[in-house]
Amino acid sequence: MARELDQRVDRVQRLQEARDALASLLASSIASDLQARERGADTSADDDDFVDLAQEVAIQEDREAVLDVLRRDMRAFDHAWQRAEAGTYGICEDCGEGISAERLEFVPEATLCVACQARRERAWFGAS
């Protein structure tokens, strides 16, 4: 029992470390995005170089896509953290069985076991 508790504490600690790292990455990405937007706003309105403008728009769209992914990941970590606070971290939300230590090692924000995750993915992508 003590060993299981130690393992749970280790998993929750790894979740917190991964969540903190993601939060730091998200914050620095947002700051970088804001700086890039400010630099873009400082460019001359009479700049007629269409290629440069198109490249800047493409870069901005890429930045926004990255921020969207980071925000989605942060929501997943926050959800897993709420489960940790509730004492249900490491328990599959669908079947109620334990999520393997290996899965939590590689995907600390996981709230589904491998079998339930696969079932959901098959349903999302229309596979039988």
N, C-alpha and C. Protein backbone atom coordinates (compact mmCIF):
# COMPACT_ATOMS: atom_id res chain seq x y z
N MET A 1 0.82 -1.19 0.00
CA MET A 1 0.00 0.00 0.00
C MET A 1 0.87 1.26 0.00
N ALA A 2 1.93 1.25 0.81
CA ALA A 2 2.81 2.42 0.87
C ALA A 2 3.51 2.63 -0.47
N ARG A 3 3.87 1.51 -1.12
CA ARG A 3 4.53 1.61 -2.43
C ARG A 3 3.58 2.23 -3.46
N GLU A 4 2.31 1.82 -3.45
CA GLU A 4 1.32 2.39 -4.37
C GLU A 4 1.15 3.88 -4.12
N LEU A 5 1.13 4.27 -2.86
CA LEU A 5 1.00 5.69 -2.53
C LEU A 5 2.21 6.47 -3.02
N ASP A 6 3.41 5.92 -2.83
CA ASP A 6 4.63 6.57 -3.32
C ASP A 6 4.60 6.73 -4.83
N GLN A 7 4.13 5.68 -5.53
CA GLN A 7 4.05 5.75 -6.98
C GLN A 7 3.05 6.81 -7.42
N ARG A 8 1.91 6.89 -6.72
CA ARG A 8 0.91 7.90 -7.05
C ARG A 8 1.47 9.30 -6.82
N VAL A 9 2.17 9.49 -5.73
CA VAL A 9 2.77 10.80 -5.44
C VAL A 9 3.78 11.15 -6.53
N ASP A 10 4.59 10.18 -6.95
CA ASP A 10 5.56 10.42 -8.03
C ASP A 10 4.85 10.81 -9.32
N ARG A 11 3.77 10.12 -9.67
CA ARG A 11 3.04 10.43 -10.90
C ARG A 11 2.43 11.83 -10.83
N VAL A 12 1.86 12.18 -9.70
CA VAL A 12 1.27 13.51 -9.55
C VAL A 12 2.36 14.57 -9.62
N GLN A 13 3.52 14.28 -9.03
CA GLN A 13 4.62 15.23 -9.10
C GLN A 13 5.09 15.42 -10.54
N ARG A 14 5.18 14.33 -11.31
CA ARG A 14 5.56 14.44 -12.72
C ARG A 14 4.50 15.22 -13.50
N LEU A 15 3.23 15.01 -13.18
CA LEU A 15 2.16 15.78 -13.81
C LEU A 15 2.36 17.26 -13.54
N GLN A 16 2.64 17.60 -12.28
CA GLN A 16 2.83 19.01 -11.93
C GLN A 16 4.04 19.60 -12.65
N GLU A 17 5.13 18.85 -12.73
CA GLU A 17 6.33 19.34 -13.42
C GLU A 17 6.04 19.56 -14.91
N ALA A 18 5.34 18.62 -15.53
CA ALA A 18 5.01 18.76 -16.95
C ALA A 18 4.05 19.93 -17.16
N ARG A 19 3.09 20.09 -16.25
CA ARG A 19 2.13 21.20 -16.34
C ARG A 19 2.86 22.53 -16.19
N ASP A 20 3.78 22.61 -15.25
CA ASP A 20 4.55 23.84 -15.06
C ASP A 20 5.39 24.18 -16.29
N ALA A 21 6.01 23.16 -16.88
CA ALA A 21 6.81 23.38 -18.09
C ALA A 21 5.94 23.88 -19.23
N LEU A 22 4.78 23.28 -19.39
CA LEU A 22 3.86 23.71 -20.44
C LEU A 22 3.37 25.13 -20.19
N ALA A 23 3.06 25.45 -18.95
CA ALA A 23 2.60 26.80 -18.61
C ALA A 23 3.69 27.83 -18.93
N SER A 24 4.93 27.49 -18.64
CA SER A 24 6.05 28.38 -18.95
C SER A 24 6.19 28.56 -20.46
N LEU A 25 6.09 27.47 -21.20
CA LEU A 25 6.19 27.54 -22.66
C LEU A 25 5.04 28.37 -23.23
N LEU A 26 3.84 28.17 -22.72
CA LEU A 26 2.69 28.94 -23.18
C LEU A 26 2.88 30.43 -22.90
N ALA A 27 3.33 30.76 -21.70
CA ALA A 27 3.54 32.17 -21.35
C ALA A 27 4.60 32.81 -22.25
N SER A 28 5.70 32.11 -22.49
CA SER A 28 6.74 32.69 -23.35
C SER A 28 6.26 32.79 -24.79
N SER A 29 5.44 31.84 -25.23
CA SER A 29 4.91 31.90 -26.59
C SER A 29 3.95 33.07 -26.75
N ILE A 30 3.14 33.30 -25.74
CA ILE A 30 2.22 34.44 -25.79
C ILE A 30 3.00 35.75 -25.81
N ALA A 31 4.04 35.84 -24.97
CA ALA A 31 4.86 37.05 -24.94
C ALA A 31 5.53 37.28 -26.29
N SER A 32 6.05 36.21 -26.88
CA SER A 32 6.68 36.31 -28.19
C SER A 32 5.68 36.74 -29.25
N ASP A 33 4.49 36.19 -29.18
CA ASP A 33 3.43 36.56 -30.13
C ASP A 33 3.07 38.04 -29.99
N LEU A 34 2.95 38.50 -28.77
CA LEU A 34 2.62 39.91 -28.55
C LEU A 34 3.72 40.83 -29.09
N GLN A 35 4.97 40.44 -28.87
CA GLN A 35 6.09 41.23 -29.40
C GLN A 35 6.05 41.25 -30.92
N ALA A 36 5.78 40.12 -31.53
CA ALA A 36 5.72 40.05 -32.99
C ALA A 36 4.58 40.92 -33.52
N ARG A 37 3.46 40.91 -32.83
CA ARG A 37 2.33 41.75 -33.25
C ARG A 37 2.68 43.24 -33.14
N GLU A 38 3.39 43.59 -32.06
CA GLU A 38 3.81 44.98 -31.91
C GLU A 38 4.77 45.39 -33.01
N ARG A 39 5.70 44.51 -33.35
CA ARG A 39 6.63 44.81 -34.44
C ARG A 39 5.87 44.96 -35.75
N GLY A 40 4.87 44.11 -35.96
CA GLY A 40 4.06 44.19 -37.18
C GLY A 40 3.27 45.48 -37.24
N ALA A 41 2.80 45.95 -36.09
CA ALA A 41 2.04 47.19 -36.06
C ALA A 41 2.94 48.39 -36.31
N ASP A 42 4.24 48.25 -36.04
CA ASP A 42 5.17 49.35 -36.24
C ASP A 42 5.59 49.52 -37.70
N THR A 43 5.29 48.57 -38.55
CA THR A 43 5.71 48.68 -39.94
C THR A 43 4.90 49.75 -40.64
N SER A 44 5.49 50.32 -41.60
CA SER A 44 4.89 51.43 -42.35
C SER A 44 3.66 50.95 -43.10
N ALA A 45 2.62 51.79 -43.09
CA ALA A 45 1.38 51.45 -43.80
C ALA A 45 1.56 51.55 -45.30
N ASP A 46 2.58 52.28 -45.75
CA ASP A 46 2.76 52.41 -47.19
C ASP A 46 3.72 51.36 -47.76
N ASP A 47 4.05 50.37 -46.95
CA ASP A 47 4.92 49.29 -47.40
C ASP A 47 4.17 48.50 -48.47
N ASP A 48 4.67 48.56 -49.70
CA ASP A 48 3.95 47.90 -50.79
C ASP A 48 4.57 46.56 -51.17
N ASP A 49 5.41 46.02 -50.32
CA ASP A 49 6.01 44.73 -50.64
C ASP A 49 5.03 43.63 -50.24
N PHE A 50 4.24 43.21 -51.20
CA PHE A 50 3.18 42.23 -50.96
C PHE A 50 3.74 40.90 -50.46
N VAL A 51 4.89 40.47 -50.95
CA VAL A 51 5.48 39.19 -50.54
C VAL A 51 5.82 39.22 -49.05
N ASP A 52 6.43 40.31 -48.60
CA ASP A 52 6.75 40.42 -47.18
C ASP A 52 5.49 40.40 -46.33
N LEU A 53 4.47 41.09 -46.78
CA LEU A 53 3.21 41.12 -46.05
C LEU A 53 2.58 39.73 -45.99
N ALA A 54 2.59 39.03 -47.09
CA ALA A 54 2.03 37.67 -47.14
C ALA A 54 2.81 36.73 -46.22
N GLN A 55 4.13 36.87 -46.20
CA GLN A 55 4.94 36.03 -45.31
C GLN A 55 4.63 36.33 -43.85
N GLU A 56 4.48 37.60 -43.53
CA GLU A 56 4.16 37.97 -42.15
C GLU A 56 2.79 37.41 -41.74
N VAL A 57 1.83 37.46 -42.64
CA VAL A 57 0.51 36.90 -42.34
C VAL A 57 0.61 35.39 -42.11
N ALA A 58 1.37 34.70 -42.94
CA ALA A 58 1.55 33.26 -42.79
C ALA A 58 2.24 32.93 -41.46
N ILE A 59 3.25 33.70 -41.11
CA ILE A 59 3.95 33.48 -39.84
C ILE A 59 3.00 33.71 -38.67
N GLN A 60 2.19 34.75 -38.75
CA GLN A 60 1.24 35.03 -37.68
C GLN A 60 0.21 33.90 -37.55
N GLU A 61 -0.24 33.38 -38.66
CA GLU A 61 -1.18 32.26 -38.61
C GLU A 61 -0.53 31.04 -37.96
N ASP A 62 0.74 30.79 -38.27
CA ASP A 62 1.46 29.68 -37.65
C ASP A 62 1.57 29.89 -36.14
N ARG A 63 1.90 31.11 -35.73
CA ARG A 63 2.00 31.42 -34.30
C ARG A 63 0.67 31.15 -33.60
N GLU A 64 -0.41 31.59 -34.23
CA GLU A 64 -1.73 31.39 -33.64
C GLU A 64 -2.08 29.91 -33.53
N ALA A 65 -1.69 29.13 -34.53
CA ALA A 65 -1.95 27.69 -34.48
C ALA A 65 -1.17 27.04 -33.34
N VAL A 66 0.08 27.44 -33.16
CA VAL A 66 0.89 26.90 -32.07
C VAL A 66 0.27 27.28 -30.73
N LEU A 67 -0.14 28.53 -30.59
CA LEU A 67 -0.78 28.96 -29.34
C LEU A 67 -2.07 28.18 -29.08
N ASP A 68 -2.83 27.91 -30.12
CA ASP A 68 -4.06 27.12 -29.95
C ASP A 68 -3.74 25.73 -29.41
N VAL A 69 -2.71 25.10 -29.95
CA VAL A 69 -2.30 23.76 -29.48
C VAL A 69 -1.84 23.83 -28.04
N LEU A 70 -1.02 24.83 -27.71
CA LEU A 70 -0.54 24.96 -26.34
C LEU A 70 -1.69 25.21 -25.36
N ARG A 71 -2.65 26.02 -25.77
CA ARG A 71 -3.81 26.28 -24.90
C ARG A 71 -4.64 25.00 -24.70
N ARG A 72 -4.82 24.24 -25.77
CA ARG A 72 -5.57 22.97 -25.66
C ARG A 72 -4.84 22.02 -24.72
N ASP A 73 -3.52 21.93 -24.88
CA ASP A 73 -2.74 21.06 -24.01
C ASP A 73 -2.82 21.52 -22.56
N MET A 74 -2.80 22.82 -22.35
CA MET A 74 -2.89 23.36 -20.99
C MET A 74 -4.23 23.00 -20.36
N ARG A 75 -5.30 23.06 -21.15
CA ARG A 75 -6.62 22.66 -20.62
C ARG A 75 -6.60 21.18 -20.22
N ALA A 76 -5.93 20.34 -21.02
CA ALA A 76 -5.84 18.92 -20.68
C ALA A 76 -5.06 18.71 -19.38
N PHE A 77 -3.96 19.44 -19.22
CA PHE A 77 -3.19 19.34 -17.98
C PHE A 77 -3.99 19.86 -16.79
N ASP A 78 -4.71 20.95 -16.99
CA ASP A 78 -5.54 21.47 -15.90
C ASP A 78 -6.61 20.47 -15.48
N HIS A 79 -7.20 19.81 -16.48
CA HIS A 79 -8.21 18.80 -16.18
C HIS A 79 -7.59 17.64 -15.39
N ALA A 80 -6.42 17.19 -15.83
CA ALA A 80 -5.73 16.11 -15.11
C ALA A 80 -5.37 16.56 -13.70
N TRP A 81 -4.95 17.82 -13.57
CA TRP A 81 -4.59 18.34 -12.24
C TRP A 81 -5.82 18.38 -11.33
N GLN A 82 -6.97 18.76 -11.86
CA GLN A 82 -8.21 18.75 -11.07
C GLN A 82 -8.52 17.34 -10.59
N ARG A 83 -8.26 16.36 -11.46
CA ARG A 83 -8.47 14.97 -11.07
C ARG A 83 -7.50 14.56 -9.97
N ALA A 84 -6.25 15.06 -10.06
CA ALA A 84 -5.28 14.76 -9.02
C ALA A 84 -5.74 15.34 -7.68
N GLU A 85 -6.24 16.56 -7.71
CA GLU A 85 -6.74 17.18 -6.48
C GLU A 85 -7.94 16.43 -5.91
N ALA A 86 -8.74 15.85 -6.80
CA ALA A 86 -9.92 15.09 -6.37
C ALA A 86 -9.57 13.65 -5.97
N GLY A 87 -8.32 13.25 -6.21
CA GLY A 87 -7.91 11.89 -5.86
C GLY A 87 -8.25 10.86 -6.91
N THR A 88 -8.60 11.31 -8.12
CA THR A 88 -8.98 10.36 -9.18
C THR A 88 -7.96 10.32 -10.32
N TYR A 89 -6.82 10.99 -10.15
CA TYR A 89 -5.79 10.95 -11.18
C TYR A 89 -5.26 9.54 -11.31
N GLY A 90 -5.11 9.09 -12.56
CA GLY A 90 -4.62 7.74 -12.81
C GLY A 90 -5.73 6.72 -12.94
N ILE A 91 -6.97 7.17 -12.85
CA ILE A 91 -8.14 6.30 -13.01
C ILE A 91 -8.85 6.73 -14.28
N CYS A 92 -9.12 5.78 -15.17
CA CYS A 92 -9.76 6.07 -16.45
C CYS A 92 -11.15 6.66 -16.24
N GLU A 93 -11.41 7.77 -16.93
CA GLU A 93 -12.72 8.42 -16.83
C GLU A 93 -13.85 7.58 -17.43
N ASP A 94 -13.52 6.71 -18.38
CA ASP A 94 -14.57 5.92 -19.03
C ASP A 94 -14.86 4.62 -18.31
N CYS A 95 -13.83 3.82 -18.07
CA CYS A 95 -14.07 2.47 -17.53
C CYS A 95 -13.80 2.35 -16.03
N GLY A 96 -13.14 3.33 -15.45
CA GLY A 96 -12.87 3.29 -14.02
C GLY A 96 -11.68 2.44 -13.61
N GLU A 97 -11.02 1.84 -14.59
CA GLU A 97 -9.82 1.05 -14.30
C GLU A 97 -8.62 1.98 -14.17
N GLY A 98 -7.53 1.46 -13.63
CA GLY A 98 -6.31 2.25 -13.51
C GLY A 98 -5.66 2.48 -14.87
N ILE A 99 -5.07 3.65 -15.03
CA ILE A 99 -4.29 3.97 -16.23
C ILE A 99 -2.88 3.48 -15.95
N SER A 100 -2.28 2.79 -16.90
CA SER A 100 -0.96 2.20 -16.66
C SER A 100 0.08 3.27 -16.34
N ALA A 101 1.03 2.90 -15.51
CA ALA A 101 2.12 3.81 -15.14
C ALA A 101 2.91 4.22 -16.37
N GLU A 102 3.07 3.31 -17.31
CA GLU A 102 3.80 3.63 -18.54
C GLU A 102 3.09 4.72 -19.33
N ARG A 103 1.78 4.63 -19.44
CA ARG A 103 1.01 5.66 -20.17
C ARG A 103 1.14 7.01 -19.46
N LEU A 104 1.01 7.01 -18.15
CA LEU A 104 1.12 8.26 -17.41
C LEU A 104 2.54 8.83 -17.46
N GLU A 105 3.52 7.96 -17.61
CA GLU A 105 4.90 8.42 -17.75
C GLU A 105 5.07 9.22 -19.03
N PHE A 106 4.48 8.73 -20.12
CA PHE A 106 4.64 9.37 -21.42
C PHE A 106 3.56 10.41 -21.72
N VAL A 107 2.38 10.24 -21.13
CA VAL A 107 1.27 11.17 -21.34
C VAL A 107 0.70 11.51 -19.96
N PRO A 108 1.40 12.36 -19.20
CA PRO A 108 0.97 12.60 -17.81
C PRO A 108 -0.41 13.21 -17.69
N GLU A 109 -0.89 13.85 -18.75
CA GLU A 109 -2.22 14.46 -18.70
C GLU A 109 -3.33 13.49 -19.08
N ALA A 110 -2.98 12.23 -19.32
CA ALA A 110 -3.97 11.23 -19.75
C ALA A 110 -5.05 11.04 -18.67
N THR A 111 -6.29 10.99 -19.12
CA THR A 111 -7.40 10.70 -18.22
C THR A 111 -8.17 9.46 -18.68
N LEU A 112 -7.65 8.84 -19.74
CA LEU A 112 -8.24 7.60 -20.26
C LEU A 112 -7.16 6.53 -20.36
N CYS A 113 -7.55 5.28 -20.14
CA CYS A 113 -6.61 4.18 -20.37
C CYS A 113 -6.42 4.01 -21.87
N VAL A 114 -5.47 3.21 -22.26
CA VAL A 114 -5.16 3.02 -23.68
C VAL A 114 -6.37 2.48 -24.43
N ALA A 115 -7.05 1.49 -23.86
CA ALA A 115 -8.19 0.87 -24.55
C ALA A 115 -9.32 1.88 -24.76
N CYS A 116 -9.63 2.67 -23.75
CA CYS A 116 -10.72 3.66 -23.89
C CYS A 116 -10.31 4.79 -24.82
N GLN A 117 -9.05 5.20 -24.78
CA GLN A 117 -8.58 6.23 -25.71
C GLN A 117 -8.69 5.73 -27.14
N ALA A 118 -8.29 4.49 -27.37
CA ALA A 118 -8.37 3.91 -28.72
C ALA A 118 -9.83 3.83 -29.18
N ARG A 119 -10.72 3.44 -28.28
CA ARG A 119 -12.14 3.36 -28.62
C ARG A 119 -12.68 4.74 -29.01
N ARG A 120 -12.32 5.75 -28.25
CA ARG A 120 -12.77 7.11 -28.58
C ARG A 120 -12.21 7.58 -29.92
N GLU A 121 -10.94 7.29 -30.17
CA GLU A 121 -10.33 7.70 -31.44
C GLU A 121 -11.00 7.02 -32.63
N ARG A 122 -11.32 5.74 -32.46
CA ARG A 122 -12.02 5.03 -33.53
C ARG A 122 -13.38 5.70 -33.79
N ALA A 123 -14.07 6.07 -32.73
CA ALA A 123 -15.38 6.73 -32.88
C ALA A 123 -15.22 8.10 -33.53
N TRP A 124 -14.20 8.86 -33.14
CA TRP A 124 -13.97 10.19 -33.71
C TRP A 124 -13.66 10.14 -35.19
N PHE A 125 -12.86 9.12 -35.56
CA PHE A 125 -12.42 9.04 -36.95
C PHE A 125 -13.28 8.12 -37.79
N GLY A 126 -14.36 7.61 -37.22
CA GLY A 126 -15.32 6.82 -37.96
C GLY A 126 -14.87 5.41 -38.29
N ALA A 127 -13.81 4.93 -37.65
CA ALA A 127 -13.36 3.56 -37.89
C ALA A 127 -14.20 2.62 -37.05
N SER A 128 -14.30 1.41 -37.51
CA SER A 128 -15.10 0.44 -36.74
C SER A 128 -14.22 -0.44 -35.90
